Amino acid sequence: MAIQLPHAAERATLSVLIDAAIKNVNKDRSKNMIKIIDLMEKTLGDTWRPEAYENLRNVFRDPNSKYMQYTNNILDNTDPRILKMALLNLGYEAGFRGFHKVAENSKKYGVSIPWVILIDPTSACNMHCTGCWAAEYGHTKSLTYEQLDSVITQGEALGIHAWVMTGGEPLTRKNDIIKLCEKHNTSAFMAFTNATLIDDKFAEDMLRVANFVPSISIEGFKEANDGRRGDGHFDAVMKAFDILKAHKLLFGTSICYTSVNYKVVTSDEFLDMLISKGVEFTWYFHYMPVGNAASPALLLTPEEREYMYHRVREIRGYDTGKPIFAIDFQNDGEFVHGCIAGGKYYCHINPNGDVEPCVFVHYSQANIKDKTLLECLQQPLFKAYQAGQPFNDDFLRPCPMLENPEKLRKIIHDTNAPSTDMESPEPVDHLVDKCVDYAKNWTPTAEKLWSSNHFDYVSPDDAVNQKAAPQD
């Protein structure tokens, strides 16, 4: 059963317990990590299933396990202030207290309140990378500090304590970001960044606020990365890694995988390089053909995507892979029951203030400049999204655009949601037509993978055939 205390008292109690746990963890790490899991279970209660806590305990019972070594690396190389704020803000405020509060407010208001919001402080960027959705925005749009502060304040009142900055290049606004982290010190912040603006001064600010984590974009080794991102970017990333590691900060990477780079960015050599530089986690994002100028040529073949499915699971396996935590935004749909966009668990606010269902789906009927955040979350487009979720019973086909293009086509046509693409409006038919062949080609492989792990799954074609078959 979770501890029942007023919020301030509960946070203060947890803060003291975390301090004690971090102070003592070096004495017997395996034993004290299990104590931390016990503390989590007492605090979080039934937020997780009992077996989830026990699985974590089993990881730490073996001092030689991969994830015990991974934990040792984090404890040895991360400032305790960062660890404490991650546990308090991401674990307690967002993962526990916020999780329950957004669930309550979802029932209260009759629409899903997301757990995390992606927000773009600006469209300004010092780079123009192939395949980046923000590369098409131009450099003319930004949200003011006051607008950002207002949205976060409204979100926290609804229970949202996890915020991800995208762009553009969000660190062109790094002074405002630090100011927001200071004011909203019960929220956890992350930013997807090209790293070129990370310096010692910013690293010191990050350490001071302790609730901001960068996720650095990189697409391979120097030649491949700079071919997509421009000369000198790889060296800038390496320098940023060194600065962040020297300040004992927690940081990760963001990798867009395509038909060109998918094997390189999951190779042992590349991962070993990231780990040696201090990277603790990596987001893998499937290339999306968003924007009028986007090329479907970078989309993966079914064989290439299946390789990613198996490889990422190997990387993060308990007994295989590497001491780094890898998340595949597309192929991990099975762990979150399909698409999480449209306000179900997350949504996106672009630098013009438009509240979009997904960072890759640029349509909206509401803007934070003339509506409250709650009103934006109640827009018909989001309700239609949620009514259609999951968009497929095979969660390896989660997206209404990439794997189920007719679903997004119908949603946009039914709601008349206008395009919010800031380079040039993209009609939904133009967008989804680029995905039709991909979806068709991926379906047999997805069904093979899904049915091999979910024996009760019946494909739509099989369901039709079973219904039509004569009965004894």
Protein backbone atom coordinates (compact mmCIF):
# COMPACT_ATOMS: atom_id res chain seq x y z
CA MET A 1 0.00 0.00 0.00
CA ALA A 2 1.32 3.47 -0.88
CA ILE A 3 2.23 5.93 1.85
CA GLN A 4 -0.71 8.25 2.52
CA LEU A 5 0.68 11.71 3.35
CA PRO A 6 -0.01 15.24 2.08
CA HIS A 7 2.03 15.97 -1.03
CA ALA A 8 4.65 18.26 0.54
CA ALA A 9 5.17 15.93 3.51
CA GLU A 10 5.34 12.88 1.28
CA ARG A 11 7.95 14.51 -0.99
CA ALA A 12 9.98 15.69 2.01
CA THR A 13 9.92 12.22 3.56
CA LEU A 14 10.94 10.62 0.30
CA SER A 15 13.73 13.18 -0.12
CA VAL A 16 15.22 12.22 3.25
CA LEU A 17 14.96 8.51 2.44
CA ILE A 18 16.62 9.01 -0.96
CA ASP A 19 19.47 10.97 0.65
CA ALA A 20 20.06 8.12 3.08
CA ALA A 21 19.87 5.49 0.35
CA ILE A 22 22.34 7.33 -1.92
CA LYS A 23 24.71 7.92 1.00
CA ASN A 24 24.76 4.25 1.96
CA VAL A 25 24.52 2.64 -1.46
CA ASN A 26 28.30 2.37 -1.92
CA LYS A 27 28.70 0.15 1.19
CA ASP A 28 27.01 -2.87 -0.38
CA ARG A 29 25.49 -1.89 -3.68
CA SER A 30 23.61 -5.07 -4.40
CA LYS A 31 22.03 -5.12 -0.93
CA ASN A 32 21.26 -1.39 -0.88
CA MET A 33 19.81 -1.35 -4.39
CA ILE A 34 17.33 -3.97 -3.20
CA LYS A 35 16.50 -1.69 -0.26
CA ILE A 36 15.80 1.12 -2.73
CA ILE A 37 13.43 -1.21 -4.63
CA ASP A 38 11.69 -1.96 -1.31
CA LEU A 39 11.35 1.80 -0.74
CA MET A 40 9.94 2.24 -4.24
CA GLU A 41 7.34 -0.45 -3.63
CA LYS A 42 6.25 1.14 -0.35
CA THR A 43 5.99 4.55 -2.00
CA LEU A 44 4.61 3.67 -5.43
CA GLY A 45 2.36 0.84 -4.23
CA ASP A 46 0.25 -0.71 -6.98
CA THR A 47 1.43 1.77 -9.63
CA TRP A 48 3.54 -1.19 -10.80
CA ARG A 49 2.64 -4.86 -10.66
CA PRO A 50 4.27 -6.83 -7.79
CA GLU A 51 6.29 -8.93 -10.24
CA ALA A 52 7.87 -5.76 -11.67
CA TYR A 53 9.43 -4.96 -8.29
CA GLU A 54 10.58 -8.55 -7.88
CA ASN A 55 12.13 -8.57 -11.34
CA LEU A 56 14.13 -5.48 -10.38
CA ARG A 57 15.28 -7.14 -7.17
CA ASN A 58 16.47 -10.14 -9.15
CA VAL A 59 18.56 -7.86 -11.37
CA PHE A 60 20.43 -6.53 -8.35
CA ARG A 61 20.78 -9.84 -6.51
CA ASP A 62 23.52 -10.82 -8.96
CA PRO A 63 26.44 -8.39 -8.50
CA ASN A 64 27.86 -9.50 -11.85
CA SER A 65 24.69 -9.01 -13.91
CA LYS A 66 24.77 -6.61 -16.82
CA TYR A 67 22.30 -4.23 -15.24
CA MET A 68 24.11 -4.27 -11.91
CA GLN A 69 27.22 -3.19 -13.80
CA TYR A 70 25.12 -0.59 -15.62
CA THR A 71 23.87 0.69 -12.26
CA ASN A 72 27.41 0.79 -10.90
CA ASN A 73 28.42 2.92 -13.85
CA ILE A 74 25.59 5.39 -13.22
CA LEU A 75 26.37 5.59 -9.49
CA ASP A 76 30.10 6.05 -10.12
CA ASN A 77 29.73 8.70 -12.82
CA THR A 78 26.61 10.70 -11.97
CA ASP A 79 26.40 13.47 -9.40
CA PRO A 80 24.13 12.43 -6.46
CA ARG A 81 22.06 15.61 -6.93
CA ILE A 82 21.09 14.45 -10.43
CA LEU A 83 20.17 10.99 -9.20
CA LYS A 84 18.06 12.40 -6.37
CA MET A 85 16.11 14.77 -8.63
CA ALA A 86 15.52 11.98 -11.15
CA LEU A 87 14.02 9.80 -8.43
CA LEU A 88 11.96 12.65 -6.98
CA ASN A 89 10.72 14.29 -10.19
CA LEU A 90 10.63 11.58 -12.83
CA GLY A 91 9.99 8.73 -10.43
CA TYR A 92 7.75 10.23 -7.74
CA GLU A 93 6.17 13.39 -9.21
CA ALA A 94 5.67 12.14 -12.79
CA GLY A 95 5.71 8.36 -12.46
CA PHE A 96 3.67 7.99 -9.29
CA ARG A 97 1.82 11.06 -8.08
CA GLY A 98 1.39 12.57 -11.54
CA PHE A 99 0.37 9.23 -13.04
CA HIS A 100 -2.54 8.96 -10.60
CA LYS A 101 -3.47 12.63 -10.92
CA VAL A 102 -3.66 12.57 -14.73
CA ALA A 103 -5.79 9.43 -14.48
CA GLU A 104 -8.18 11.20 -12.10
CA ASN A 105 -8.34 14.28 -14.32
CA SER A 106 -8.89 12.16 -17.41
CA LYS A 107 -12.05 10.76 -15.79
CA LYS A 108 -13.06 14.20 -14.54
CA TYR A 109 -12.76 15.94 -17.92
CA GLY A 110 -13.72 13.05 -20.20
CA VAL A 111 -10.54 13.17 -22.26
CA SER A 112 -7.11 11.69 -21.75
CA ILE A 113 -4.57 13.88 -19.98
CA PRO A 114 -1.08 13.00 -21.22
CA TRP A 115 1.71 11.86 -18.91
CA VAL A 116 4.37 13.79 -20.86
CA ILE A 117 4.25 16.74 -23.26
CA LEU A 118 6.77 17.48 -26.00
CA ILE A 119 7.08 21.21 -26.55
CA ASP A 120 9.16 23.27 -28.98
CA PRO A 121 10.46 26.53 -27.49
CA THR A 122 11.56 27.67 -30.95
CA SER A 123 11.81 26.69 -34.60
CA ALA A 124 15.26 28.28 -34.79
CA CYS A 125 18.07 25.85 -35.51
CA ASN A 126 21.68 26.19 -36.61
CA MET A 127 21.44 23.01 -38.69
CA HIS A 128 19.25 21.51 -41.43
CA CYS A 129 19.37 17.73 -41.12
CA THR A 130 17.95 15.28 -43.65
CA GLY A 131 14.85 13.58 -42.28
CA CYS A 132 14.32 15.93 -39.34
CA TRP A 133 10.69 17.03 -38.98
CA ALA A 134 11.82 20.36 -37.51
CA ALA A 135 14.17 21.05 -40.40
CA GLU A 136 11.13 22.13 -42.42
CA TYR A 137 9.88 24.66 -39.87
CA GLY A 138 11.96 27.66 -40.82
CA HIS A 139 13.34 29.97 -38.14
CA THR A 140 10.54 32.42 -37.52
CA LYS A 141 8.48 30.89 -34.73
CA SER A 142 9.10 30.86 -30.99
CA LEU A 143 7.09 30.61 -27.81
CA THR A 144 7.82 33.30 -25.25
CA TYR A 145 9.10 32.45 -21.80
CA GLU A 146 5.71 33.51 -20.42
CA GLN A 147 3.86 31.15 -22.78
CA LEU A 148 6.14 28.25 -21.89
CA ASP A 149 5.79 28.99 -18.19
CA SER A 150 2.00 29.19 -18.49
CA VAL A 151 1.70 25.84 -20.29
CA ILE A 152 3.94 24.07 -17.76
CA THR A 153 2.04 25.64 -14.85
CA GLN A 154 -1.28 24.49 -16.33
CA GLY A 155 0.18 21.06 -17.02
CA GLU A 156 1.46 20.60 -13.49
CA ALA A 157 -2.00 21.47 -12.16
CA LEU A 158 -3.32 18.57 -14.28
CA GLY A 159 -0.59 16.22 -12.99
CA ILE A 160 1.93 16.50 -15.86
CA HIS A 161 5.48 16.61 -14.52
CA ALA A 162 7.46 15.29 -17.51
CA TRP A 163 8.43 17.75 -20.26
CA VAL A 164 10.54 17.18 -23.36
CA MET A 165 11.91 20.10 -25.36
CA THR A 166 12.21 19.59 -29.10
CA GLY A 167 12.64 22.05 -31.94
CA GLY A 168 14.29 23.60 -33.85
CA GLU A 169 17.27 23.56 -31.57
CA PRO A 170 15.89 24.06 -28.05
CA LEU A 171 19.24 25.13 -26.61
CA THR A 172 19.07 28.36 -28.58
CA ARG A 173 16.75 29.14 -25.64
CA LYS A 174 18.96 27.58 -22.96
CA ASN A 175 18.74 30.55 -20.57
CA ASP A 176 14.95 30.36 -20.61
CA ILE A 177 15.10 26.56 -20.23
CA ILE A 178 17.26 26.84 -17.11
CA LYS A 179 14.89 29.50 -15.77
CA LEU A 180 11.94 27.14 -16.32
CA CYS A 181 13.79 24.28 -14.62
CA GLU A 182 14.44 26.52 -11.61
CA LYS A 183 10.83 27.64 -11.30
CA HIS A 184 9.27 24.24 -11.98
CA ASN A 185 11.60 22.25 -9.77
CA THR A 186 9.14 19.39 -9.25
CA SER A 187 9.10 18.58 -12.97
CA ALA A 188 11.59 16.55 -15.01
CA PHE A 189 12.86 18.13 -18.23
CA MET A 190 14.65 16.60 -21.21
CA ALA A 191 15.69 18.09 -24.54
CA PHE A 192 16.55 16.60 -27.90
CA THR A 193 19.55 18.68 -28.94
CA ASN A 194 22.28 18.75 -31.58
CA ALA A 195 24.74 19.48 -28.70
CA THR A 196 26.57 22.31 -30.47
CA LEU A 197 25.53 24.83 -27.78
CA ILE A 198 26.57 22.73 -24.77
CA ASP A 199 29.48 24.34 -22.94
CA ASP A 200 30.92 24.34 -19.42
CA LYS A 201 28.66 27.18 -18.28
CA PHE A 202 25.53 25.34 -19.39
CA ALA A 203 26.78 22.11 -17.80
CA GLU A 204 27.23 23.98 -14.51
CA ASP A 205 23.68 25.34 -14.80
CA MET A 206 22.37 21.83 -15.46
CA LEU A 207 24.13 20.55 -12.37
CA ARG A 208 22.70 23.38 -10.30
CA VAL A 209 19.05 22.84 -11.30
CA ALA A 210 19.55 19.04 -11.47
CA ASN A 211 16.24 18.38 -13.28
CA PHE A 212 17.34 18.69 -16.93
CA VAL A 213 18.73 15.86 -19.08
CA PRO A 214 19.92 16.28 -22.69
CA SER A 215 19.40 13.65 -25.37
CA ILE A 216 21.94 14.32 -28.10
CA SER A 217 21.26 13.68 -31.77
CA ILE A 218 23.84 11.55 -33.58
CA GLU A 219 23.41 9.34 -36.64
CA GLY A 220 26.59 7.24 -36.79
CA PHE A 221 30.33 7.73 -37.00
CA LYS A 222 31.86 10.92 -38.35
CA GLU A 223 31.44 10.42 -42.11
CA ALA A 224 27.83 9.22 -41.97
CA ASN A 225 26.79 11.64 -39.23
CA ASP A 226 28.29 14.71 -40.86
CA GLY A 227 26.93 13.66 -44.23
CA ARG A 228 23.45 14.13 -42.76
CA ARG A 229 24.11 16.86 -40.19
CA GLY A 230 26.95 18.90 -41.67
CA ASP A 231 30.72 19.08 -41.33
CA GLY A 232 31.97 19.39 -37.77
CA HIS A 233 28.86 18.12 -36.03
CA PHE A 234 30.37 14.79 -34.96
CA ASP A 235 33.32 16.56 -33.33
CA ALA A 236 30.91 18.95 -31.58
CA VAL A 237 28.98 15.98 -30.18
CA MET A 238 32.18 14.33 -28.93
CA LYS A 239 33.14 17.59 -27.19
CA ALA A 240 29.69 17.87 -25.60
CA PHE A 241 29.91 14.27 -24.36
CA ASP A 242 33.24 15.08 -22.70
CA ILE A 243 31.87 18.21 -21.03
CA LEU A 244 28.79 16.43 -19.71
CA LYS A 245 30.80 13.45 -18.46
CA ALA A 246 33.34 15.71 -16.72
CA HIS A 247 30.49 17.40 -14.82
CA LYS A 248 29.02 13.99 -13.87
CA LEU A 249 25.72 14.69 -15.60
CA LEU A 250 23.17 12.17 -16.86
CA PHE A 251 22.70 12.24 -20.64
CA GLY A 252 21.67 10.11 -23.59
CA THR A 253 21.36 10.12 -27.35
CA SER A 254 18.61 10.44 -29.93
CA ILE A 255 19.14 8.46 -33.13
CA CYS A 256 16.98 8.53 -36.26
CA TYR A 257 17.50 5.20 -37.99
CA THR A 258 16.99 4.89 -41.73
CA SER A 259 17.58 2.35 -44.48
CA VAL A 260 21.07 3.81 -44.76
CA ASN A 261 22.36 3.84 -41.17
CA TYR A 262 20.35 1.26 -39.19
CA LYS A 263 23.16 -1.29 -38.86
CA VAL A 264 25.86 1.22 -38.00
CA VAL A 265 23.92 2.89 -35.17
CA THR A 266 23.19 -0.48 -33.55
CA SER A 267 26.66 -1.94 -34.06
CA ASP A 268 28.88 -3.04 -31.18
CA GLU A 269 31.52 -0.53 -32.26
CA PHE A 270 29.15 2.42 -32.24
CA LEU A 271 27.53 1.48 -28.93
CA ASP A 272 30.93 0.88 -27.32
CA MET A 273 31.93 4.38 -28.40
CA LEU A 274 28.78 5.90 -26.86
CA ILE A 275 29.25 3.98 -23.61
CA SER A 276 32.90 5.03 -23.36
CA LYS A 277 31.77 8.65 -23.67
CA GLY A 278 29.34 8.31 -20.76
CA VAL A 279 26.03 7.83 -22.61
CA GLU A 280 23.52 5.99 -20.39
CA PHE A 281 20.49 5.69 -22.68
CA THR A 282 19.56 6.01 -26.32
CA TRP A 283 16.30 6.70 -28.14
CA TYR A 284 15.97 5.07 -31.55
CA PHE A 285 13.45 6.82 -33.82
CA HIS A 286 12.19 5.24 -37.04
CA TYR A 287 12.49 7.65 -39.97
CA MET A 288 9.14 9.27 -40.78
CA PRO A 289 8.43 10.80 -44.24
CA VAL A 290 6.91 13.99 -42.82
CA GLY A 291 6.72 17.15 -44.90
CA ASN A 292 6.07 17.84 -48.56
CA ALA A 293 9.75 17.42 -49.42
CA ALA A 294 10.34 14.24 -47.36
CA SER A 295 11.67 11.24 -49.24
CA PRO A 296 10.18 7.75 -48.69
CA ALA A 297 13.52 6.33 -49.93
CA LEU A 298 14.90 6.42 -46.37
CA LEU A 299 12.11 4.17 -45.06
CA LEU A 300 13.27 0.71 -43.99
CA THR A 301 12.40 -2.49 -45.80
CA PRO A 302 10.55 -5.14 -43.75
CA GLU A 303 13.82 -7.09 -43.43
CA GLU A 304 15.67 -4.01 -42.16
CA ARG A 305 12.99 -3.18 -39.62
CA GLU A 306 12.87 -6.77 -38.41
CA TYR A 307 16.62 -6.54 -37.86
CA MET A 308 16.03 -3.48 -35.65
CA TYR A 309 13.30 -5.33 -33.74
CA HIS A 310 15.65 -8.13 -32.77
CA ARG A 311 18.80 -6.04 -32.38
CA VAL A 312 17.39 -3.50 -29.91
CA ARG A 313 15.98 -6.30 -27.77
CA GLU A 314 19.39 -7.94 -27.84
CA ILE A 315 21.12 -4.70 -26.83
CA ARG A 316 19.01 -4.25 -23.73
CA GLY A 317 18.59 -7.93 -22.81
CA TYR A 318 19.43 -9.01 -19.28
CA ASP A 319 22.22 -11.29 -20.48
CA THR A 320 23.08 -9.85 -23.89
CA GLY A 321 24.02 -6.66 -25.62
CA LYS A 322 25.50 -3.62 -23.95
CA PRO A 323 25.31 -1.71 -20.64
CA ILE A 324 23.14 1.03 -22.13
CA PHE A 325 19.36 1.34 -22.08
CA ALA A 326 17.89 1.42 -25.58
CA ILE A 327 14.33 2.43 -26.48
CA ASP A 328 12.89 1.95 -29.98
CA PHE A 329 10.05 4.42 -30.36
CA GLN A 330 8.36 2.36 -33.10
CA ASN A 331 9.14 -1.29 -32.37
CA ASP A 332 8.47 -0.93 -28.64
CA GLY A 333 4.80 -0.23 -29.26
CA GLU A 334 4.01 -3.62 -27.75
CA PHE A 335 5.08 -2.40 -24.31
CA VAL A 336 2.74 0.63 -24.29
CA HIS A 337 -0.25 -0.94 -26.10
CA GLY A 338 0.27 0.76 -29.43
CA CYS A 339 0.13 4.45 -30.27
CA ILE A 340 0.47 6.73 -27.23
CA ALA A 341 -0.09 10.03 -29.07
CA GLY A 342 -3.15 12.24 -29.34
CA GLY A 343 -3.04 12.97 -25.62
CA LYS A 344 -3.32 9.31 -24.57
CA TYR A 345 0.11 9.51 -22.92
CA TYR A 346 1.73 12.33 -24.85
CA CYS A 347 1.18 15.14 -27.34
CA HIS A 348 3.26 17.81 -29.05
CA ILE A 349 3.15 21.62 -28.98
CA ASN A 350 4.94 23.24 -31.89
CA PRO A 351 6.73 26.63 -31.72
CA ASN A 352 3.66 28.35 -33.10
CA GLY A 353 1.63 27.07 -30.14
CA ASP A 354 -0.40 24.50 -32.09
CA VAL A 355 -1.21 21.43 -29.98
CA GLU A 356 -0.65 18.43 -32.25
CA PRO A 357 -1.35 14.75 -31.56
CA CYS A 358 2.22 13.70 -32.33
CA VAL A 359 5.58 15.22 -33.09
CA PHE A 360 5.31 13.55 -36.52
CA VAL A 361 1.66 14.44 -37.21
CA HIS A 362 1.32 18.13 -37.97
CA TYR A 363 -2.40 18.81 -37.72
CA SER A 364 -4.27 20.67 -35.00
CA GLN A 365 -7.50 22.44 -34.08
CA ALA A 366 -6.25 24.26 -30.98
CA ASN A 367 -3.48 26.66 -30.00
CA ILE A 368 -2.20 27.53 -26.54
CA LYS A 369 -2.16 31.22 -27.44
CA ASP A 370 -5.95 31.43 -27.43
CA LYS A 371 -7.05 28.36 -25.44
CA THR A 372 -6.13 26.79 -22.13
CA LEU A 373 -4.06 23.63 -22.21
CA LEU A 374 -7.09 21.64 -21.06
CA GLU A 375 -9.24 23.09 -23.87
CA CYS A 376 -6.50 22.16 -26.35
CA LEU A 377 -6.48 18.59 -25.05
CA GLN A 378 -10.27 18.47 -25.53
CA GLN A 379 -10.11 19.31 -29.25
CA PRO A 380 -12.11 16.99 -31.57
CA LEU A 381 -8.91 15.74 -33.25
CA PHE A 382 -7.60 14.33 -29.95
CA LYS A 383 -10.96 12.75 -29.13
CA ALA A 384 -11.00 11.07 -32.53
CA TYR A 385 -7.46 9.83 -31.98
CA GLN A 386 -8.36 8.34 -28.61
CA ALA A 387 -11.54 6.76 -29.97
CA GLY A 388 -9.43 4.91 -32.55
CA GLN A 389 -6.70 3.70 -30.19
CA PRO A 390 -5.22 1.19 -30.45
CA PHE A 391 -5.13 1.58 -34.19
CA ASN A 392 -4.18 -2.06 -34.59
CA ASP A 393 -4.36 -5.13 -32.36
CA ASP A 394 -0.85 -5.92 -33.57
CA PHE A 395 1.16 -3.40 -31.55
CA LEU A 396 4.07 -3.73 -33.95
CA ARG A 397 1.85 -1.68 -36.24
CA PRO A 398 1.00 1.08 -33.77
CA CYS A 399 0.98 4.28 -35.83
CA PRO A 400 -2.08 5.65 -37.65
CA MET A 401 0.28 7.19 -40.23
CA LEU A 402 3.17 4.81 -40.86
CA GLU A 403 1.53 1.39 -40.45
CA ASN A 404 -2.19 2.23 -40.70
CA PRO A 405 -2.30 5.20 -43.08
CA GLU A 406 -6.02 4.93 -43.80
CA LYS A 407 -6.69 5.51 -40.09
CA LEU A 408 -4.98 8.91 -40.07
CA ARG A 409 -6.54 9.81 -43.41
CA LYS A 410 -10.01 9.20 -41.95
CA ILE A 411 -9.32 11.04 -38.68
CA ILE A 412 -8.10 14.17 -40.43
CA HIS A 413 -10.90 14.15 -43.00
CA ASP A 414 -13.58 13.51 -40.35
CA THR A 415 -12.36 16.30 -38.04
CA ASN A 416 -11.27 18.74 -40.77
CA ALA A 417 -8.10 19.41 -38.79
CA PRO A 418 -5.86 21.80 -40.77
CA SER A 419 -2.19 21.19 -41.47
CA THR A 420 0.15 22.98 -39.07
CA ASP A 421 3.35 22.27 -41.00
CA MET A 422 5.24 25.53 -40.80
CA GLU A 423 7.14 25.23 -44.05
CA SER A 424 4.15 24.48 -46.26
CA PRO A 425 0.79 22.87 -45.42
CA GLU A 426 0.80 19.16 -46.24
CA PRO A 427 -2.56 17.62 -47.15
CA VAL A 428 -3.12 14.42 -45.24
CA ASP A 429 -3.56 12.45 -48.46
CA HIS A 430 -0.08 13.51 -49.58
CA LEU A 431 1.37 12.45 -46.23
CA VAL A 432 -0.25 9.06 -45.88
CA ASP A 433 0.13 8.13 -49.54
CA LYS A 434 3.88 7.99 -48.86
CA CYS A 435 3.22 5.29 -46.25
CA VAL A 436 0.74 3.02 -48.05
CA ASP A 437 3.30 0.72 -49.66
CA TYR A 438 5.41 0.67 -46.51
CA ALA A 439 2.42 -0.39 -44.39
CA LYS A 440 1.42 -3.09 -46.86
CA ASN A 441 4.93 -4.51 -47.04
CA TRP A 442 5.53 -4.44 -43.28
CA THR A 443 2.25 -6.14 -42.33
CA PRO A 444 3.25 -9.80 -42.95
CA THR A 445 6.50 -9.41 -41.01
CA ALA A 446 4.78 -7.58 -38.16
CA GLU A 447 2.11 -10.27 -37.92
CA LYS A 448 4.76 -13.00 -37.92
CA LEU A 449 6.68 -11.34 -35.09
CA TRP A 450 3.57 -10.47 -33.11
CA SER A 451 1.88 -13.86 -33.37
CA SER A 452 5.12 -15.62 -32.38
CA ASN A 453 4.95 -13.88 -29.00
CA HIS A 454 1.16 -13.49 -28.64
CA PHE A 455 -0.46 -16.82 -29.36
CA ASP A 456 -4.03 -15.54 -28.98
CA TYR A 457 -3.59 -12.99 -31.78
CA VAL A 458 -5.79 -13.43 -34.82
CA SER A 459 -4.99 -11.34 -37.87
CA PRO A 460 -7.87 -9.45 -39.53
CA ASP A 461 -7.68 -11.72 -42.61
CA ASP A 462 -7.78 -14.85 -40.45
CA ALA A 463 -10.69 -13.44 -38.47
CA VAL A 464 -12.67 -12.91 -41.70
CA ASN A 465 -11.83 -16.42 -42.91
CA GLN A 466 -12.84 -17.97 -39.58
CA LYS A 467 -16.14 -16.11 -39.65
CA ALA A 468 -16.83 -17.23 -43.21
CA ALA A 469 -15.89 -20.86 -42.62
CA PRO A 470 -18.81 -23.31 -42.33
CA GLN A 471 -19.60 -24.36 -38.80
CA ASP A 472 -19.97 -28.00 -37.75
